[in-house]
N, C-alpha and C. Protein backbone atom coordinates (compact mmCIF):
# COMPACT_ATOMS: atom_id res chain seq x y z
N UNK A 1 38.86 304.17 217.07
CA UNK A 1 39.12 302.75 216.92
C UNK A 1 40.00 302.46 215.70
N UNK A 2 39.71 303.11 214.58
CA UNK A 2 40.49 302.91 213.35
C UNK A 2 41.92 303.40 213.56
N UNK A 3 42.07 304.48 214.31
CA UNK A 3 43.40 305.03 214.57
C UNK A 3 44.24 304.05 215.41
N UNK A 4 43.62 303.37 216.37
CA UNK A 4 44.30 302.39 217.20
C UNK A 4 44.76 301.20 216.33
N UNK A 5 43.90 300.75 215.42
CA UNK A 5 44.26 299.65 214.53
C UNK A 5 45.45 300.03 213.65
N UNK A 6 45.47 301.27 213.18
CA UNK A 6 46.61 301.72 212.37
C UNK A 6 47.90 301.69 213.17
N UNK A 7 47.83 302.09 214.42
CA UNK A 7 49.02 302.06 215.26
C UNK A 7 49.51 300.63 215.50
N UNK A 8 48.57 299.73 215.72
CA UNK A 8 48.93 298.33 215.93
C UNK A 8 49.58 297.77 214.67
N UNK A 9 48.99 298.03 213.50
CA UNK A 9 49.57 297.55 212.24
C UNK A 9 50.95 298.15 212.01
N UNK A 10 51.10 299.42 212.32
CA UNK A 10 52.39 300.09 212.15
C UNK A 10 53.44 299.46 213.08
N UNK A 11 53.05 299.17 214.31
CA UNK A 11 53.97 298.56 215.26
C UNK A 11 54.38 297.16 214.79
N UNK A 12 53.43 296.39 214.31
CA UNK A 12 53.72 295.04 213.82
C UNK A 12 54.64 295.11 212.60
N UNK A 13 54.36 296.03 211.69
CA UNK A 13 55.20 296.19 210.51
C UNK A 13 56.62 296.61 210.91
N UNK A 14 56.74 297.52 211.84
CA UNK A 14 58.05 297.99 212.29
C UNK A 14 58.86 296.84 212.91
N UNK A 15 58.22 296.06 213.78
CA UNK A 15 58.90 294.92 214.39
C UNK A 15 59.30 293.88 213.35
N UNK A 16 58.44 293.65 212.36
CA UNK A 16 58.75 292.69 211.31
C UNK A 16 59.98 293.12 210.52
N UNK A 17 60.09 294.40 210.23
CA UNK A 17 61.25 294.90 209.49
C UNK A 17 62.53 294.74 210.29
N UNK A 18 62.44 294.88 211.60
CA UNK A 18 63.61 294.72 212.45
C UNK A 18 64.10 293.27 212.48
N UNK A 19 63.19 292.34 212.30
CA UNK A 19 63.54 290.93 212.37
C UNK A 19 64.06 290.37 211.05
N UNK A 20 63.89 291.12 209.95
CA UNK A 20 64.38 290.64 208.66
C UNK A 20 65.89 290.66 208.64
N UNK A 21 66.52 289.65 208.00
CA UNK A 21 67.98 289.64 207.92
C UNK A 21 68.49 290.82 207.11
N UNK A 22 69.63 291.32 207.53
CA UNK A 22 70.23 292.45 206.85
C UNK A 22 71.74 292.30 206.86
N UNK A 23 72.39 292.70 205.76
CA UNK A 23 73.84 292.64 205.72
C UNK A 23 74.45 293.57 206.75
N UNK A 24 73.77 294.65 207.08
CA UNK A 24 74.32 295.59 208.04
C UNK A 24 74.35 295.01 209.45
N UNK A 25 73.64 293.92 209.69
CA UNK A 25 73.66 293.29 211.00
C UNK A 25 74.96 292.51 211.20
N UNK A 26 75.72 292.35 210.13
CA UNK A 26 77.00 291.66 210.19
C UNK A 26 76.84 290.23 210.71
N UNK A 27 75.95 289.51 210.10
CA UNK A 27 75.60 288.16 210.52
C UNK A 27 76.69 287.16 210.12
N UNK A 28 77.82 287.21 210.76
CA UNK A 28 78.90 286.26 210.56
C UNK A 28 78.79 285.20 211.62
N UNK A 29 79.18 284.04 211.48
CA UNK A 29 79.57 283.30 210.30
C UNK A 29 78.40 282.55 209.69
N UNK A 30 78.51 282.19 208.42
CA UNK A 30 77.44 281.45 207.76
C UNK A 30 77.94 280.22 207.01
N UNK A 31 79.21 280.11 206.77
CA UNK A 31 79.76 278.96 206.04
C UNK A 31 80.21 277.91 207.06
N UNK A 32 80.12 276.65 206.67
CA UNK A 32 80.50 275.56 207.57
C UNK A 32 81.63 274.76 206.94
N UNK A 33 82.62 274.40 207.75
CA UNK A 33 83.70 273.51 207.34
C UNK A 33 83.85 272.46 208.43
N UNK A 34 84.85 271.61 208.32
CA UNK A 34 85.10 270.60 209.35
C UNK A 34 86.52 270.71 209.85
N UNK A 35 86.71 270.39 211.13
CA UNK A 35 88.07 270.30 211.65
C UNK A 35 88.59 268.89 211.40
N UNK A 36 89.77 268.58 211.89
CA UNK A 36 90.35 267.25 211.64
C UNK A 36 89.62 266.14 212.38
N UNK A 37 88.78 266.50 213.36
CA UNK A 37 87.99 265.51 214.09
C UNK A 37 86.63 265.29 213.45
N UNK A 38 86.43 265.91 212.27
CA UNK A 38 85.17 265.82 211.51
C UNK A 38 84.01 266.52 212.22
N UNK A 39 84.30 267.50 213.06
CA UNK A 39 83.28 268.30 213.73
C UNK A 39 83.02 269.56 212.91
N UNK A 40 81.79 270.02 212.95
CA UNK A 40 81.43 271.23 212.21
C UNK A 40 82.06 272.46 212.85
N UNK A 41 82.56 273.35 212.00
CA UNK A 41 83.11 274.63 212.44
C UNK A 41 82.52 275.70 211.54
N UNK A 42 81.98 276.75 212.14
CA UNK A 42 81.41 277.85 211.39
C UNK A 42 82.50 278.88 211.10
N UNK A 43 82.60 279.28 209.84
CA UNK A 43 83.61 280.25 209.42
C UNK A 43 82.91 281.46 208.81
N UNK A 44 83.58 282.61 208.79
CA UNK A 44 82.96 283.80 208.20
C UNK A 44 82.60 283.57 206.73
N UNK A 45 81.53 284.19 206.30
CA UNK A 45 81.08 284.03 204.92
C UNK A 45 82.09 284.60 203.93
N UNK A 46 82.96 285.48 204.38
CA UNK A 46 83.97 286.07 203.49
C UNK A 46 85.16 285.14 203.26
N UNK A 47 85.26 284.06 204.02
CA UNK A 47 86.35 283.10 203.82
C UNK A 47 86.15 282.37 202.51
N UNK A 48 87.23 282.01 201.84
CA UNK A 48 87.08 281.31 200.56
C UNK A 48 86.48 279.91 200.74
N UNK A 49 85.86 279.45 199.68
CA UNK A 49 85.31 278.10 199.66
C UNK A 49 86.47 277.12 199.47
N UNK A 50 86.80 276.38 200.52
CA UNK A 50 87.97 275.50 200.52
C UNK A 50 87.88 274.42 199.44
N UNK A 51 86.69 274.04 199.03
CA UNK A 51 86.55 272.99 198.02
C UNK A 51 87.06 273.44 196.65
N UNK A 52 87.23 274.74 196.46
CA UNK A 52 87.74 275.26 195.19
C UNK A 52 89.25 275.52 195.23
N UNK A 53 89.88 275.18 196.35
CA UNK A 53 91.31 275.40 196.51
C UNK A 53 92.08 274.09 196.36
N UNK A 54 93.36 274.22 196.03
CA UNK A 54 94.22 273.05 195.86
C UNK A 54 95.13 272.92 197.09
N UNK A 55 95.12 271.76 197.76
CA UNK A 55 96.03 271.58 198.90
C UNK A 55 97.49 271.67 198.46
N UNK A 56 98.30 272.42 199.23
CA UNK A 56 99.72 272.58 198.91
C UNK A 56 100.56 271.77 199.88
N UNK A 57 100.31 271.96 201.19
CA UNK A 57 101.10 271.22 202.17
C UNK A 57 100.29 270.96 203.42
N UNK A 58 100.72 269.94 204.13
CA UNK A 58 100.10 269.54 205.38
C UNK A 58 101.26 269.23 206.32
N UNK A 59 101.52 270.12 207.29
CA UNK A 59 102.71 270.03 208.12
C UNK A 59 102.33 269.79 209.57
N UNK A 60 102.96 268.80 210.19
CA UNK A 60 102.78 268.54 211.62
C UNK A 60 103.79 269.37 212.39
N UNK A 61 103.32 270.04 213.44
CA UNK A 61 104.19 270.85 214.28
C UNK A 61 104.45 270.08 215.56
N UNK A 62 105.72 269.76 215.82
CA UNK A 62 106.09 268.98 216.99
C UNK A 62 106.89 269.81 217.98
N UNK A 63 106.64 269.57 219.25
CA UNK A 63 107.44 270.14 220.34
C UNK A 63 107.96 268.94 221.11
N UNK A 64 109.23 268.65 220.91
CA UNK A 64 109.78 267.43 221.49
C UNK A 64 109.14 266.23 220.82
N UNK A 65 108.60 265.33 221.63
CA UNK A 65 107.93 264.15 221.10
C UNK A 65 106.43 264.36 220.92
N UNK A 66 105.91 265.50 221.39
CA UNK A 66 104.48 265.77 221.32
C UNK A 66 104.10 266.53 220.05
N UNK A 67 102.92 266.18 219.52
CA UNK A 67 102.39 266.91 218.37
C UNK A 67 101.65 268.13 218.92
N UNK A 68 102.15 269.32 218.61
CA UNK A 68 101.55 270.56 219.09
C UNK A 68 100.44 271.04 218.19
N UNK A 69 100.50 270.67 216.92
CA UNK A 69 99.47 271.12 215.99
C UNK A 69 99.78 270.70 214.57
N UNK A 70 98.93 271.19 213.68
CA UNK A 70 99.06 270.89 212.27
C UNK A 70 98.73 272.15 211.48
N UNK A 71 99.45 272.36 210.40
CA UNK A 71 99.18 273.49 209.53
C UNK A 71 98.93 272.97 208.13
N UNK A 72 97.84 273.42 207.52
CA UNK A 72 97.51 273.06 206.15
C UNK A 72 97.49 274.33 205.31
N UNK A 73 98.11 274.28 204.13
CA UNK A 73 98.11 275.43 203.24
C UNK A 73 97.46 275.03 201.91
N UNK A 74 96.82 276.02 201.28
CA UNK A 74 96.08 275.80 200.04
C UNK A 74 96.40 276.90 199.04
N UNK A 75 96.25 276.57 197.77
CA UNK A 75 96.45 277.53 196.69
C UNK A 75 95.14 277.75 195.95
N UNK A 76 94.88 278.99 195.59
CA UNK A 76 93.76 279.33 194.73
C UNK A 76 94.31 279.39 193.31
N UNK A 77 93.90 278.48 192.42
CA UNK A 77 94.48 278.45 191.08
C UNK A 77 94.17 279.70 190.25
N UNK A 78 93.26 280.52 190.71
CA UNK A 78 92.92 281.74 189.97
C UNK A 78 93.85 282.91 190.28
N UNK A 79 94.80 282.72 191.21
CA UNK A 79 95.76 283.77 191.53
C UNK A 79 97.17 283.31 191.15
N UNK A 80 98.10 284.25 191.11
CA UNK A 80 99.49 283.91 190.81
C UNK A 80 100.27 283.56 192.07
N UNK A 81 99.68 283.79 193.25
CA UNK A 81 100.37 283.48 194.50
C UNK A 81 100.47 281.97 194.69
N UNK A 82 101.55 281.50 195.30
CA UNK A 82 101.71 280.05 195.52
C UNK A 82 100.85 279.54 196.68
N UNK A 83 100.39 280.45 197.56
CA UNK A 83 99.57 280.05 198.70
C UNK A 83 98.58 281.17 199.01
N UNK A 84 97.30 280.80 199.21
CA UNK A 84 96.27 281.81 199.44
C UNK A 84 95.46 281.58 200.71
N UNK A 85 95.56 280.40 201.30
CA UNK A 85 94.70 280.04 202.41
C UNK A 85 95.47 279.12 203.36
N UNK A 86 95.30 279.31 204.66
CA UNK A 86 96.02 278.50 205.66
C UNK A 86 95.06 278.13 206.79
N UNK A 87 95.24 276.95 207.32
CA UNK A 87 94.48 276.50 208.50
C UNK A 87 95.47 276.05 209.56
N UNK A 88 95.20 276.38 210.81
CA UNK A 88 96.05 275.96 211.92
C UNK A 88 95.19 275.19 212.91
N UNK A 89 95.63 273.96 213.21
CA UNK A 89 94.90 273.07 214.11
C UNK A 89 95.72 272.84 215.37
N UNK A 90 95.03 272.56 216.48
CA UNK A 90 95.76 272.17 217.70
C UNK A 90 96.13 270.69 217.61
N UNK A 91 96.79 270.18 218.64
CA UNK A 91 97.27 268.80 218.64
C UNK A 91 96.18 267.75 218.56
N UNK A 92 94.96 268.10 218.96
CA UNK A 92 93.86 267.14 218.92
C UNK A 92 92.98 267.30 217.68
N UNK A 93 93.36 268.20 216.77
CA UNK A 93 92.61 268.36 215.52
C UNK A 93 91.57 269.45 215.53
N UNK A 94 91.50 270.26 216.59
CA UNK A 94 90.56 271.38 216.64
C UNK A 94 91.07 272.54 215.80
N UNK A 95 90.20 273.15 215.01
CA UNK A 95 90.59 274.26 214.15
C UNK A 95 90.72 275.53 214.98
N UNK A 96 91.94 276.07 215.06
CA UNK A 96 92.23 277.27 215.85
C UNK A 96 91.99 278.54 215.06
N UNK A 97 92.50 278.57 213.82
CA UNK A 97 92.36 279.78 213.01
C UNK A 97 92.52 279.45 211.54
N UNK A 98 92.02 280.37 210.73
CA UNK A 98 92.24 280.32 209.30
C UNK A 98 92.74 281.69 208.87
N UNK A 99 93.51 281.70 207.81
CA UNK A 99 93.99 282.95 207.24
C UNK A 99 93.91 282.86 205.73
N UNK A 100 93.63 283.97 205.07
CA UNK A 100 93.54 283.96 203.62
C UNK A 100 93.81 285.35 203.07
N UNK A 101 94.05 285.41 201.79
CA UNK A 101 94.20 286.67 201.09
C UNK A 101 92.95 286.84 200.24
N UNK A 102 92.23 287.93 200.48
CA UNK A 102 90.96 288.10 199.76
C UNK A 102 91.19 288.61 198.33
N UNK A 103 90.13 288.80 197.61
CA UNK A 103 90.23 289.17 196.19
C UNK A 103 90.85 290.54 195.98
N UNK A 104 90.95 291.35 197.04
CA UNK A 104 91.57 292.67 196.95
C UNK A 104 93.04 292.63 197.39
N UNK A 105 93.54 291.44 197.73
CA UNK A 105 94.92 291.30 198.17
C UNK A 105 95.12 291.64 199.63
N UNK A 106 94.06 291.63 200.42
CA UNK A 106 94.14 291.96 201.83
C UNK A 106 94.17 290.68 202.66
N UNK A 107 95.12 290.61 203.61
CA UNK A 107 95.21 289.44 204.50
C UNK A 107 94.06 289.46 205.50
N UNK A 108 93.41 288.34 205.63
CA UNK A 108 92.29 288.19 206.57
C UNK A 108 92.61 287.04 207.52
N UNK A 109 92.13 287.16 208.75
CA UNK A 109 92.33 286.11 209.75
C UNK A 109 91.05 285.95 210.55
N UNK A 110 90.68 284.71 210.79
CA UNK A 110 89.55 284.39 211.65
C UNK A 110 90.02 283.39 212.70
N UNK A 111 89.65 283.64 213.96
CA UNK A 111 90.11 282.85 215.10
C UNK A 111 88.90 282.27 215.83
N UNK A 112 89.07 281.10 216.41
CA UNK A 112 87.99 280.51 217.19
C UNK A 112 87.59 281.46 218.32
N UNK A 113 86.31 281.68 218.45
CA UNK A 113 85.78 282.63 219.43
C UNK A 113 86.19 282.29 220.86
N UNK A 114 86.35 281.00 221.16
CA UNK A 114 86.73 280.58 222.50
C UNK A 114 88.12 281.05 222.89
N UNK A 115 89.00 281.22 221.92
CA UNK A 115 90.36 281.67 222.21
C UNK A 115 90.42 283.17 222.54
N UNK A 116 89.38 283.89 222.18
CA UNK A 116 89.36 285.34 222.41
C UNK A 116 88.78 285.71 223.77
N UNK A 117 88.24 284.73 224.48
CA UNK A 117 87.64 284.99 225.79
C UNK A 117 88.68 284.76 226.88
N UNK A 118 88.72 285.67 227.83
CA UNK A 118 89.71 285.58 228.90
C UNK A 118 89.47 284.42 229.86
N UNK A 119 88.22 284.10 230.11
CA UNK A 119 87.90 283.12 231.14
C UNK A 119 87.98 281.66 230.65
N UNK A 120 88.16 281.45 229.36
CA UNK A 120 88.23 280.08 228.84
C UNK A 120 89.13 280.03 227.61
N UNK A 121 89.68 278.89 227.36
CA UNK A 121 90.44 278.71 226.12
C UNK A 121 89.88 277.51 225.36
N UNK A 122 88.66 277.11 225.69
CA UNK A 122 88.00 275.99 225.04
C UNK A 122 87.49 276.42 223.66
N UNK A 123 87.74 275.61 222.66
CA UNK A 123 87.28 275.93 221.31
C UNK A 123 85.77 275.83 221.23
N UNK A 124 85.15 276.80 220.53
CA UNK A 124 83.70 276.83 220.40
C UNK A 124 83.21 276.38 219.03
N UNK A 125 84.13 276.27 218.06
CA UNK A 125 83.71 275.87 216.72
C UNK A 125 83.08 276.99 215.92
N UNK A 126 83.35 278.22 216.33
CA UNK A 126 82.86 279.40 215.63
C UNK A 126 84.05 280.33 215.43
N UNK A 127 84.45 280.53 214.18
CA UNK A 127 85.57 281.41 213.89
C UNK A 127 85.06 282.82 213.62
N UNK A 128 85.69 283.79 214.26
CA UNK A 128 85.29 285.19 214.09
C UNK A 128 86.40 285.95 213.38
N UNK A 129 85.99 286.83 212.51
CA UNK A 129 86.92 287.62 211.71
C UNK A 129 87.56 288.68 212.58
N UNK A 130 88.88 288.76 212.53
CA UNK A 130 89.60 289.81 213.25
C UNK A 130 89.59 291.08 212.41
N UNK A 131 90.09 292.17 212.99
CA UNK A 131 90.13 293.44 212.27
C UNK A 131 90.82 293.28 210.92
N UNK A 132 90.45 294.13 209.99
CA UNK A 132 90.99 294.05 208.64
C UNK A 132 92.50 294.03 208.60
N UNK A 133 93.01 293.28 207.66
CA UNK A 133 94.45 293.19 207.48
C UNK A 133 94.97 294.30 206.60
N UNK A 134 96.16 294.12 206.10
CA UNK A 134 96.78 295.12 205.25
C UNK A 134 96.98 294.57 203.85
N UNK A 135 96.92 295.42 202.84
CA UNK A 135 97.13 294.94 201.47
C UNK A 135 98.54 294.44 201.27
N UNK A 136 98.69 293.44 200.43
CA UNK A 136 100.02 292.91 200.12
C UNK A 136 100.65 293.71 199.01
C-alpha cells in the first residue's frame, strides 16, 4: 500500500513539473501592443518595448487612390542607428509585421500568424518570430 502511494505521489509530482512554465517551451508571444484600430496584438517577448522608442516617421503607402498600408519607424536612443524598429500595417490598420535590430545587431522579424497559413490570410493578432536574421 505504501509503495502504491509513493507511485501516485511521484506521478503527481512529475505531471506538476511538466505543467510549470519553462523558457525551453518557447512560450512566445507575451508582450501586448495595439494596432491602428486600437485592437490588442500579441508580439514576441524579444521585441523591444515600443514605449521606450522615439517615433521617426509615419508613412502612408498608396496604390493609385487607395491606401495600401502604413509604415511606422522608430529609433532607440541608446543606439547610434537612425532607425531600430519598424511596423507595417495594412490599409485598414491591422498590424502585419514588425521588424527590429536586437541588442546583438541581428535583424529580427515577426509576422502575423494568419499570414503564414495557406488556407487563410485573415489577421489573428498574434505575431510570430521568423527564423533568426543576420548580423549587421
